[in-house]
Protein backbone atom coordinates (compact mmCIF):
# COMPACT_ATOMS: atom_id res chain seq x y z
CA MET A 1 -73.95 78.90 -63.16
CA LEU A 2 -71.61 79.67 -60.34
CA VAL A 3 -68.05 78.72 -59.58
CA ILE A 4 -67.85 77.76 -55.92
CA SER A 5 -64.74 77.52 -53.74
CA PHE A 6 -64.28 76.83 -50.06
CA ARG A 7 -61.79 77.83 -47.38
CA THR A 8 -61.35 75.72 -44.24
CA GLY A 9 -57.89 76.60 -43.03
CA PHE A 10 -56.33 75.44 -46.30
CA SER A 11 -55.52 77.36 -49.43
CA GLU A 12 -58.62 77.95 -51.53
CA ILE A 13 -59.80 74.87 -53.41
CA ASN A 14 -61.83 75.36 -56.57
CA VAL A 15 -64.41 72.58 -56.81
CA GLY A 16 -65.92 73.45 -60.17
CA VAL A 17 -69.18 74.69 -61.59
CA LEU A 18 -72.21 73.85 -59.47
CA VAL A 19 -75.72 73.67 -60.79
CA ASN A 20 -78.02 72.56 -57.94
CA LYS A 21 -75.58 69.88 -56.84
CA GLU A 22 -75.47 68.07 -53.51
CA TYR A 23 -72.33 67.88 -51.44
CA LEU A 24 -69.76 65.37 -50.25
CA LEU A 25 -68.22 66.10 -46.88
CA VAL A 26 -64.52 65.18 -47.00
CA VAL A 27 -62.72 65.23 -43.65
CA GLU A 28 -58.99 64.98 -44.39
CA ASP A 29 -56.02 66.74 -42.79
CA SER A 30 -53.62 66.20 -45.71
CA LYS A 31 -53.79 69.25 -47.97
CA MET A 32 -52.25 67.43 -50.92
CA PHE A 33 -54.51 64.40 -50.64
CA LEU A 34 -57.59 66.61 -50.25
CA LYS A 35 -56.64 68.54 -53.40
CA VAL A 36 -56.20 65.37 -55.46
CA LEU A 37 -59.42 63.82 -54.18
CA SER A 38 -61.37 67.05 -54.71
CA GLU A 39 -60.24 67.30 -58.32
CA ARG A 40 -61.28 63.71 -59.02
CA ILE A 41 -64.68 64.14 -57.39
CA ALA A 42 -65.33 67.40 -59.24
CA LYS A 43 -64.34 65.74 -62.52
CA ASP A 44 -66.08 62.36 -62.20
CA THR A 45 -69.12 62.88 -59.98
CA PRO A 46 -72.09 65.30 -59.81
CA PHE A 47 -71.08 66.42 -56.32
CA SER A 48 -69.15 69.33 -54.88
CA ILE A 49 -66.80 69.14 -51.92
CA LEU A 50 -67.25 70.42 -48.38
CA PRO A 51 -63.67 70.01 -47.11
CA ALA A 52 -62.67 69.87 -43.46
CA GLY A 53 -59.21 69.36 -41.99
CA SER A 54 -60.21 68.59 -38.41
CA LEU A 55 -63.05 67.40 -36.22
CA GLN A 56 -63.82 71.02 -35.31
CA GLU A 57 -64.11 72.09 -38.96
CA ALA A 58 -66.32 69.09 -39.72
CA GLN A 59 -68.58 70.07 -36.84
CA GLU A 60 -68.84 73.64 -38.13
CA ILE A 61 -69.81 72.41 -41.62
CA LEU A 62 -72.45 70.06 -40.21
CA GLN A 63 -73.95 72.97 -38.31
CA ARG A 64 -74.13 75.09 -41.46
CA TYR A 65 -75.39 72.47 -43.92
CA PRO A 66 -78.45 70.26 -43.29
CA ALA A 67 -77.94 66.51 -43.67
CA SER A 68 -80.39 66.52 -46.60
CA GLU A 69 -77.81 68.42 -48.66
CA ILE A 70 -74.89 66.09 -47.89
CA PHE A 71 -74.94 62.86 -49.89
CA CYS A 72 -72.29 61.16 -47.79
CA ALA A 73 -69.01 61.79 -45.98
CA LEU A 74 -65.49 60.51 -46.67
CA LEU A 75 -63.68 60.35 -43.36
CA ASP A 76 -60.07 60.05 -42.28
CA LEU A 77 -59.94 58.45 -38.82
CA ASN A 78 -56.75 60.18 -37.70
CA LEU A 79 -57.23 63.94 -37.33
CA PRO A 80 -55.18 66.54 -35.43
CA ASP A 81 -57.91 66.94 -32.80
CA ALA A 82 -59.41 63.43 -32.97
CA GLY A 83 -57.09 60.47 -33.46
CA ARG A 84 -59.40 57.54 -32.67
CA GLY A 85 -62.18 57.93 -35.22
CA GLU A 86 -64.35 60.30 -33.18
CA VAL A 87 -65.39 61.97 -36.45
CA VAL A 88 -67.43 58.87 -37.31
CA ASP A 89 -69.73 59.35 -34.33
CA LEU A 90 -70.09 63.03 -35.15
CA VAL A 91 -71.09 62.48 -38.76
CA ILE A 92 -73.43 59.57 -38.09
CA SER A 93 -75.14 61.53 -35.30
CA HIS A 94 -76.11 64.08 -37.94
CA GLY A 95 -77.66 61.37 -40.14
CA VAL A 96 -74.98 61.55 -42.84
CA PRO A 97 -73.84 58.22 -44.38
CA ALA A 98 -70.11 57.65 -43.87
CA ILE A 99 -67.28 56.00 -45.80
CA ILE A 100 -63.94 55.56 -44.04
CA PHE A 101 -60.98 56.56 -46.23
CA THR A 102 -57.86 56.37 -44.13
CA GLY A 103 -54.22 55.42 -44.30
CA ASP A 104 -54.08 53.53 -41.01
CA PHE A 105 -56.93 51.20 -40.17
CA GLU A 106 -56.11 49.09 -37.12
CA GLU A 107 -57.76 45.67 -37.11
CA SER A 108 -58.81 46.24 -33.52
CA LEU A 109 -60.89 49.21 -34.70
CA ARG A 110 -62.48 47.44 -37.66
CA GLU A 111 -65.39 45.77 -35.92
CA ASP A 112 -66.17 48.79 -33.75
CA ILE A 113 -66.18 51.12 -36.76
CA LEU A 114 -68.31 48.82 -38.93
CA ASN A 115 -70.78 48.31 -36.10
CA LYS A 116 -71.43 52.04 -36.14
CA GLY A 117 -73.14 51.56 -39.51
CA VAL A 118 -70.55 53.01 -41.91
CA ILE A 119 -70.98 52.04 -45.54
CA ASP A 120 -67.45 50.84 -46.22
CA TYR A 121 -63.81 51.49 -45.47
CA VAL A 122 -61.02 52.10 -47.97
CA LEU A 123 -57.30 52.17 -47.27
CA LYS A 124 -55.11 54.85 -48.86
CA GLU A 125 -52.67 52.41 -50.38
CA SER A 126 -52.22 53.71 -53.94
CA ALA A 127 -53.77 55.81 -56.69
CA SER A 128 -56.21 52.95 -57.29
CA SER A 129 -57.66 53.65 -53.84
CA ILE A 130 -58.94 57.00 -55.08
CA ASP A 131 -60.41 55.25 -58.12
CA TYR A 132 -62.18 52.81 -55.82
CA VAL A 133 -63.65 55.44 -53.52
CA VAL A 134 -64.90 57.56 -56.45
CA GLU A 135 -66.48 54.48 -58.02
CA LEU A 136 -68.00 53.61 -54.64
CA VAL A 137 -69.60 57.05 -54.34
CA MET A 138 -71.03 56.76 -57.86
CA ARG A 139 -72.26 53.23 -57.11
CA LEU A 140 -74.17 54.60 -54.12
CA TYR A 141 -75.49 57.46 -56.24
CA ARG A 142 -76.86 55.01 -58.83
CA ASN A 143 -78.22 52.70 -56.13
CA GLN A 144 -80.83 55.31 -55.19
CA LYS A 145 -82.71 54.48 -58.38
CA ILE A 146 -82.37 50.70 -58.06
CA LYS A 147 -85.09 48.52 -56.57
CA VAL A 148 -84.07 45.26 -54.88
CA LEU A 149 -86.33 42.36 -53.91
CA VAL A 150 -85.39 40.28 -50.84
CA ALA A 151 -87.11 36.87 -50.81
CA ASP A 152 -86.61 34.95 -47.55
CA ASP A 153 -89.07 33.20 -45.22
CA SER A 154 -87.09 34.26 -42.15
CA THR A 155 -88.22 37.67 -40.91
CA SER A 156 -84.96 38.23 -39.05
CA ALA A 157 -82.86 37.29 -42.10
CA ARG A 158 -84.93 39.59 -44.34
CA ASN A 159 -84.51 42.42 -41.85
CA VAL A 160 -80.72 41.99 -41.74
CA ILE A 161 -80.36 41.95 -45.53
CA SER A 162 -82.85 44.78 -46.06
CA LYS A 163 -81.09 46.94 -43.48
CA LEU A 164 -77.76 46.40 -45.28
CA LEU A 165 -79.29 47.21 -48.66
CA LYS A 166 -80.84 50.40 -47.34
CA ARG A 167 -77.47 51.39 -45.90
CA TYR A 168 -76.16 51.09 -49.46
CA MET A 169 -79.04 53.38 -50.54
CA PHE A 170 -81.13 50.83 -52.44
CA HIS A 171 -84.92 50.90 -52.51
CA VAL A 172 -85.97 47.57 -50.94
CA VAL A 173 -89.12 45.43 -51.24
CA GLU A 174 -89.61 42.11 -49.46
CA ALA A 175 -91.31 38.73 -49.91
CA SER A 176 -91.62 35.77 -47.51
CA ASP A 177 -91.75 33.01 -50.14
CA GLY A 178 -91.18 32.39 -53.84
CA GLN A 179 -94.78 32.88 -54.94
CA GLU A 180 -95.06 36.17 -53.08
CA ALA A 181 -91.77 37.18 -54.71
CA LEU A 182 -93.21 36.50 -58.18
CA ASN A 183 -96.32 38.54 -57.37
CA THR A 184 -94.15 41.36 -56.05
CA LEU A 185 -92.06 41.25 -59.22
CA ASP A 186 -95.23 41.50 -61.34
CA ASN A 187 -96.25 44.60 -59.39
CA ASN A 188 -92.72 46.07 -59.50
CA PRO A 189 -91.32 45.37 -62.97
CA ASP A 190 -88.53 47.89 -62.35
CA ILE A 191 -86.86 45.55 -59.82
CA LYS A 192 -83.28 45.08 -61.02
CA LEU A 193 -81.83 42.76 -58.36
CA LEU A 194 -83.25 39.79 -56.44
CA ILE A 195 -81.69 38.34 -53.27
CA VAL A 196 -83.19 34.83 -53.09
CA ASP A 197 -82.97 32.40 -50.17
CA TYR A 198 -82.93 28.71 -51.06
CA ASN A 199 -85.12 27.19 -48.33
CA MET A 200 -88.58 28.82 -48.59
CA PRO A 201 -92.13 27.46 -48.36
CA VAL A 202 -94.62 27.40 -51.29
CA MET A 203 -91.82 27.91 -53.82
CA ASP A 204 -88.12 27.51 -53.03
CA GLY A 205 -85.24 29.58 -54.33
CA PHE A 206 -84.46 27.23 -57.24
CA GLN A 207 -88.04 27.30 -58.53
CA LEU A 208 -88.26 31.06 -58.11
CA THR A 209 -85.02 31.54 -60.04
CA LYS A 210 -86.31 29.34 -62.89
CA LYS A 211 -89.60 31.26 -63.07
CA VAL A 212 -87.84 34.63 -63.16
CA ARG A 213 -85.38 33.45 -65.80
CA SER A 214 -88.22 32.28 -68.03
CA LYS A 215 -89.21 35.96 -68.36
CA PHE A 216 -86.00 37.94 -67.82
CA ASP A 217 -82.43 37.29 -68.90
CA LYS A 218 -79.31 37.87 -66.81
CA SER A 219 -78.62 41.21 -68.44
CA SER A 220 -81.93 42.70 -67.30
CA LYS A 221 -82.30 41.36 -63.74
CA ALA A 222 -79.60 39.93 -61.49
CA ILE A 223 -80.37 37.10 -59.08
CA ILE A 224 -78.10 36.32 -56.13
CA GLY A 225 -78.86 33.10 -54.25
CA VAL A 226 -78.19 32.94 -50.51
CA SER A 227 -78.38 30.11 -48.01
CA SER A 228 -77.11 29.13 -44.57
CA TYR A 229 -76.87 25.55 -45.87
CA GLY A 230 -74.42 26.65 -48.52
CA ASN A 231 -72.01 24.26 -50.18
CA ASN A 232 -70.46 23.94 -53.62
CA LEU A 233 -73.35 21.81 -54.90
CA LEU A 234 -75.98 24.30 -53.76
CA SER A 235 -74.04 27.15 -55.34
CA ALA A 236 -73.74 25.23 -58.63
CA LYS A 237 -77.47 24.46 -58.67
CA PHE A 238 -78.35 28.12 -58.18
CA ILE A 239 -76.05 29.15 -61.04
CA LYS A 240 -77.38 26.39 -63.32
CA ASN A 241 -80.95 27.48 -62.64
CA GLY A 242 -80.12 31.00 -63.79
CA ALA A 243 -78.71 32.87 -60.80
CA ASN A 244 -75.92 35.35 -61.45
CA ASP A 245 -74.16 34.60 -58.15
CA PHE A 246 -74.40 32.83 -54.79
CA ILE A 247 -73.39 33.85 -51.25
CA ASN A 248 -73.20 31.68 -48.14
CA LYS A 249 -74.80 32.96 -44.93
CA PRO A 250 -73.45 34.35 -42.70
CA PHE A 251 -71.37 36.67 -44.87
CA LEU A 252 -69.13 39.67 -44.36
CA ASN A 253 -70.87 42.95 -45.12
CA GLU A 254 -67.99 43.94 -47.40
CA GLU A 255 -68.30 40.73 -49.42
CA PHE A 256 -72.06 41.18 -49.72
CA PHE A 257 -71.73 44.71 -51.04
CA CYS A 258 -68.89 43.82 -53.42
CA ARG A 259 -70.87 40.92 -54.91
CA ILE A 260 -73.94 43.10 -55.39
CA SER A 261 -71.91 45.93 -56.91
CA GLN A 262 -70.12 43.63 -59.33
CA ASN A 263 -73.39 42.11 -60.58
CA LEU A 264 -75.04 45.49 -61.00
CA ASP A 265 -71.93 46.86 -62.74
CA THR A 266 -72.20 44.00 -65.24
CA ILE A 267 -75.88 44.71 -65.93
CA GLU A 268 -75.19 48.40 -66.38
CA TYR A 269 -72.23 47.68 -68.66
CA VAL A 270 -74.34 45.43 -70.89
CA GLN A 271 -77.11 48.03 -70.96
CA ALA A 272 -74.57 50.71 -71.89
CA LEU A 273 -73.41 48.57 -74.81
CA LYS A 274 -77.00 48.12 -75.96
CA ASN A 275 -77.64 51.83 -75.64
CA ALA A 276 -74.50 52.61 -77.62
CA ALA A 277 -76.00 50.65 -80.51
CA ILE A 278 -79.32 52.52 -80.49
CA ARG A 279 -78.52 55.91 -78.90
CA ASP A 280 -76.82 59.00 -80.22
CA PHE A 281 -73.62 59.50 -78.23
CA LEU A 282 -73.86 63.28 -77.91
CA THR A 283 -77.54 63.81 -77.12
CA GLY A 284 -78.74 60.49 -75.70
CA LEU A 285 -81.67 60.43 -78.14
CA HIS A 286 -82.30 57.38 -80.29
CA ASN A 287 -80.11 57.15 -83.38
CA ARG A 288 -80.87 56.62 -87.05
CA ARG A 289 -80.54 52.84 -86.79
CA TYR A 290 -83.15 52.59 -84.04
CA LEU A 291 -85.44 55.04 -85.83
CA PHE A 292 -85.64 52.90 -88.94
CA ASP A 293 -85.83 49.58 -87.08
CA VAL A 294 -88.78 50.71 -84.96
CA GLY A 295 -90.16 53.07 -87.59
CA ARG A 296 -90.69 50.30 -90.13
CA GLN A 297 -92.67 48.30 -87.57
CA LEU A 298 -94.83 51.33 -86.72
CA HIS A 299 -95.31 52.16 -90.39
CA SER A 300 -96.42 48.60 -91.09
CA SER A 301 -98.92 48.72 -88.23
CA ALA A 302 -100.23 52.06 -89.46
CA ARG A 303 -100.67 50.74 -92.99
CA ARG A 304 -102.79 47.91 -91.56
CA GLY A 305 -104.95 50.45 -89.72
CA GLN A 306 -103.88 49.34 -86.25
CA ILE A 307 -102.48 52.76 -85.33
CA THR A 308 -102.05 56.20 -86.85
CA LEU A 309 -98.56 57.53 -87.48
CA THR A 310 -97.37 61.12 -87.79
CA ILE A 311 -93.83 61.77 -89.01
CA ALA A 312 -92.01 65.04 -88.43
CA ILE A 313 -88.52 66.10 -89.49
CA LEU A 314 -87.01 69.03 -87.61
CA ASP A 315 -83.94 71.00 -88.63
CA LEU A 316 -82.28 73.78 -86.61
CA ASP A 317 -82.05 77.03 -88.54
CA PHE A 318 -78.65 78.56 -89.34
CA PHE A 319 -76.93 76.05 -87.09
CA LYS A 320 -73.67 76.40 -89.03
CA LYS A 321 -73.50 80.02 -87.88
CA VAL A 322 -73.51 78.86 -84.25
CA ASN A 323 -70.49 76.63 -84.88
CA ASP A 324 -68.70 79.28 -86.94
CA THR A 325 -69.35 82.08 -84.44
CA TYR A 326 -69.07 80.37 -81.07
CA GLY A 327 -67.27 77.13 -81.85
CA HIS A 328 -68.33 73.48 -81.98
CA ASP A 329 -68.54 73.22 -78.19
CA ALA A 330 -71.33 75.78 -78.26
CA GLY A 331 -72.97 73.90 -81.12
CA ASP A 332 -72.85 70.69 -79.09
CA GLU A 333 -74.45 72.46 -76.14
CA VAL A 334 -77.28 73.68 -78.39
CA LEU A 335 -77.86 70.15 -79.69
CA LYS A 336 -77.94 68.72 -76.17
CA SER A 337 -80.28 71.45 -74.93
CA ILE A 338 -82.73 70.99 -77.81
CA SER A 339 -82.55 67.21 -77.38
CA ARG A 340 -83.53 67.51 -73.73
CA LEU A 341 -86.43 69.72 -74.76
CA LEU A 342 -87.59 67.20 -77.38
CA ALA A 343 -87.28 64.25 -74.99
CA GLY A 344 -89.46 66.02 -72.43
CA PHE A 345 -91.97 67.36 -74.95
CA PHE A 346 -93.15 64.07 -76.44
CA ARG A 347 -94.78 60.98 -74.92
CA GLU A 348 -93.02 57.71 -74.09
CA THR A 349 -94.95 56.05 -76.92
CA ASP A 350 -93.37 58.45 -79.44
CA VAL A 351 -89.93 58.00 -80.96
CA VAL A 352 -87.51 60.93 -80.97
CA ALA A 353 -84.23 60.47 -82.84
CA ARG A 354 -81.27 62.50 -83.99
CA THR A 355 -80.52 61.40 -87.53
CA GLY A 356 -77.38 63.45 -88.05
CA GLY A 357 -76.01 66.96 -87.67
CA GLU A 358 -78.78 69.31 -86.58
CA GLU A 359 -81.65 67.14 -87.92
CA PHE A 360 -84.15 65.27 -85.74
CA VAL A 361 -87.06 62.96 -86.57
CA VAL A 362 -90.15 62.36 -84.47
CA LEU A 363 -92.63 59.49 -84.91
CA CYS A 364 -95.92 60.13 -83.11
CA VAL A 365 -98.33 57.26 -82.56
CA ASP A 366 -102.10 57.85 -82.47
CA LEU A 367 -101.85 61.63 -82.52
CA ALA A 368 -105.22 63.23 -83.25
CA ALA A 369 -105.15 64.64 -86.79
CA ASP A 370 -106.72 67.93 -85.72
CA LYS A 371 -103.99 68.43 -83.10
CA VAL A 372 -100.95 67.87 -85.34
CA ALA A 373 -100.39 71.44 -86.54
CA GLU A 374 -101.07 72.88 -83.10
CA LEU A 375 -98.68 70.45 -81.39
CA PHE A 376 -95.74 71.05 -83.68
CA ASP A 377 -96.24 74.80 -83.76
CA SER A 378 -96.19 74.72 -79.97
CA LEU A 379 -92.89 72.81 -80.21
CA ARG A 380 -91.53 75.41 -82.64
CA GLN A 381 -92.36 78.18 -80.18
CA ARG A 382 -90.76 76.28 -77.29
CA ILE A 383 -87.54 75.90 -79.28
CA GLN A 384 -87.56 79.60 -80.14
CA GLN A 385 -87.92 80.45 -76.45
CA GLU A 386 -85.26 78.00 -75.28
CA GLU A 387 -82.26 79.70 -73.71
CA VAL A 388 -79.02 77.79 -74.12
CA VAL A 389 -76.57 78.97 -71.47
CA TRP A 390 -73.06 79.22 -72.90
CA LYS A 391 -70.14 80.68 -70.96
CA GLU A 392 -70.96 84.27 -69.99
CA GLY A 393 -74.06 84.56 -72.19
CA SER A 394 -76.86 82.60 -73.75
CA LEU A 395 -77.84 81.44 -77.23
CA HIS A 396 -81.21 81.21 -78.95
CA ILE A 397 -82.08 79.24 -82.06
CA THR A 398 -85.13 78.46 -84.17
CA ALA A 399 -86.23 75.37 -86.05
CA SER A 400 -88.09 74.50 -89.23
CA ILE A 401 -90.38 71.49 -89.13
CA GLY A 402 -91.89 69.36 -91.89
CA VAL A 403 -94.74 67.04 -90.96
CA THR A 404 -96.81 64.42 -92.78
CA VAL A 405 -99.85 62.47 -91.63
CA MET A 406 -100.26 60.75 -95.01
CA LEU A 407 -98.59 57.36 -95.37
CA GLU A 408 -96.82 56.20 -98.50
CA GLU A 409 -96.14 52.53 -99.27
CA THR A 410 -92.85 52.48 -97.37
CA LEU A 411 -91.38 54.32 -94.41
CA ASP A 412 -88.62 55.76 -96.62
CA GLU A 413 -91.16 57.20 -99.04
CA THR A 414 -93.24 58.64 -96.20
CA MET A 415 -90.18 60.25 -94.65
CA ALA A 416 -89.27 61.67 -98.04
CA GLN A 417 -92.61 63.49 -98.03
CA ALA A 418 -91.94 64.88 -94.54
CA ASP A 419 -88.56 66.01 -95.84
CA ARG A 420 -90.30 67.83 -98.70
CA MET A 421 -92.42 69.66 -96.14
CA LEU A 422 -89.24 70.61 -94.28
CA TYR A 423 -87.90 72.02 -97.54
CA CYS A 424 -91.08 74.09 -97.82
CA ALA A 425 -90.59 75.43 -94.29
CA LYS A 426 -86.99 76.38 -95.08
CA GLU A 427 -87.85 78.02 -98.39
CA GLY A 428 -90.81 79.78 -96.82
CA GLY A 429 -88.61 81.70 -94.42
CA ARG A 430 -87.63 79.19 -91.70
CA ASN A 431 -88.91 79.06 -88.11
CA GLN A 432 -92.21 77.57 -89.23
CA VAL A 433 -94.14 74.32 -89.53
CA VAL A 434 -95.49 72.90 -92.79
CA CYS A 435 -97.89 69.95 -92.53
CA ARG A 436 -98.84 67.54 -95.32
CA THR A 437 -102.46 66.48 -94.99
CA LYS A 438 -105.11 65.07 -97.28
CA GLU A 439 -106.50 68.57 -97.73
CA GLN A 440 -103.04 70.08 -98.38
CA PRO A 441 -100.81 67.40 -99.91
CA ASN A 442 -98.11 70.00 -100.58
CA GLY A 443 -98.36 71.69 -97.21
CA ASN A 444 -99.62 75.24 -96.98
CA GLY A 445 -100.48 77.37 -99.97
CA ARG A 446 -97.15 79.25 -99.81
CA CYS A 447 -95.05 76.14 -100.37
CA PRO A 448 -92.87 76.36 -103.52
CA LEU A 449 -93.82 72.76 -104.27
CA ASP A 450 -97.37 73.94 -104.99
CA GLN A 451 -96.03 75.33 -108.24
CA GLU A 452 -94.58 72.00 -109.41
């Protein structure tokens, strides 16, 4: 970890701790405004600031840093050495996406500036303007992972919309009619947003919207209807058939982007609420509620012989000492680090959950019986080797793991047996794995439970 600061004719501005982050170029001649904006960006985004107070300083930065390292640029139009927005041409010529953030935006300049291909413009009117521009940057950041389907029989109309979407950093796929759109959706189930024209051959926009809604609800995929024949009735029909929104063509680019952003924000908000119900807030792993909801279904399937199920309970050794010695912030960092390790170690078909404190449960589906001990001992070694970076140093921790491949009548009873194996691992000296199998129902021969 490294604390980075920059000097560009201003007093030194600390922009925080950088760990392989990309940059935002901020061209702003107001020292106070740059400081406030830099602090917000460092606090609320994964980016660090490349600040410039003039066209000349911006040019020097663009010569030092390749465009691939600069996510986008926030540009003031009025600079000491360039008062008519010349910085826009400079930045765009280097292939860096641009957002105008200025206090004086003449209407006569608006069309010329937007025609240059900038993403958006924001006026410095109040503190809420900073909120908006930070949210805009994060919206663009999230857009990179969002796939959008454009369904329109007009090649020119598709090209216009697709070009706009790509400017906003979306991944775009296209279809020329409703049936092709459905086929494309089948091949790209990760599509999150559909832009659907009304008047299309084979299958029109209404029919397409109905078909999509029969499979996906509004909280999983957003549909925005568009049409050059737009009227209130057409808009109402789109909404009644399941669309989230409707836009008349031609539209202002700003309106188009705002509508898209609002619909995606709603989907993400609903998904966040759902995740809050099934995810652990600190680590992002599944929580106890999800574990038992899904676990009971898997246990039932395993009892019927449809799958095999391995249950492991993992507990971090001497975790209380970490909290007592380094503080709870260090303990939280250990939990997050181990959680990332667990999430990457197991398959998507497995369930990894934090059930409380320093305890985790893993449900493995169809894991070969002869690979169980080897797999979890490999996990134990990975945890032992994990280096948790904390302030000036690093922390290491070990884990004890109890595993069972033998199913009891209920999930609770089966987990109780895995917990008994965990007890054996703890009593046996910690930092070890004890497996319950048909051959060793009490784990290994050293387990204290063997004497019961």
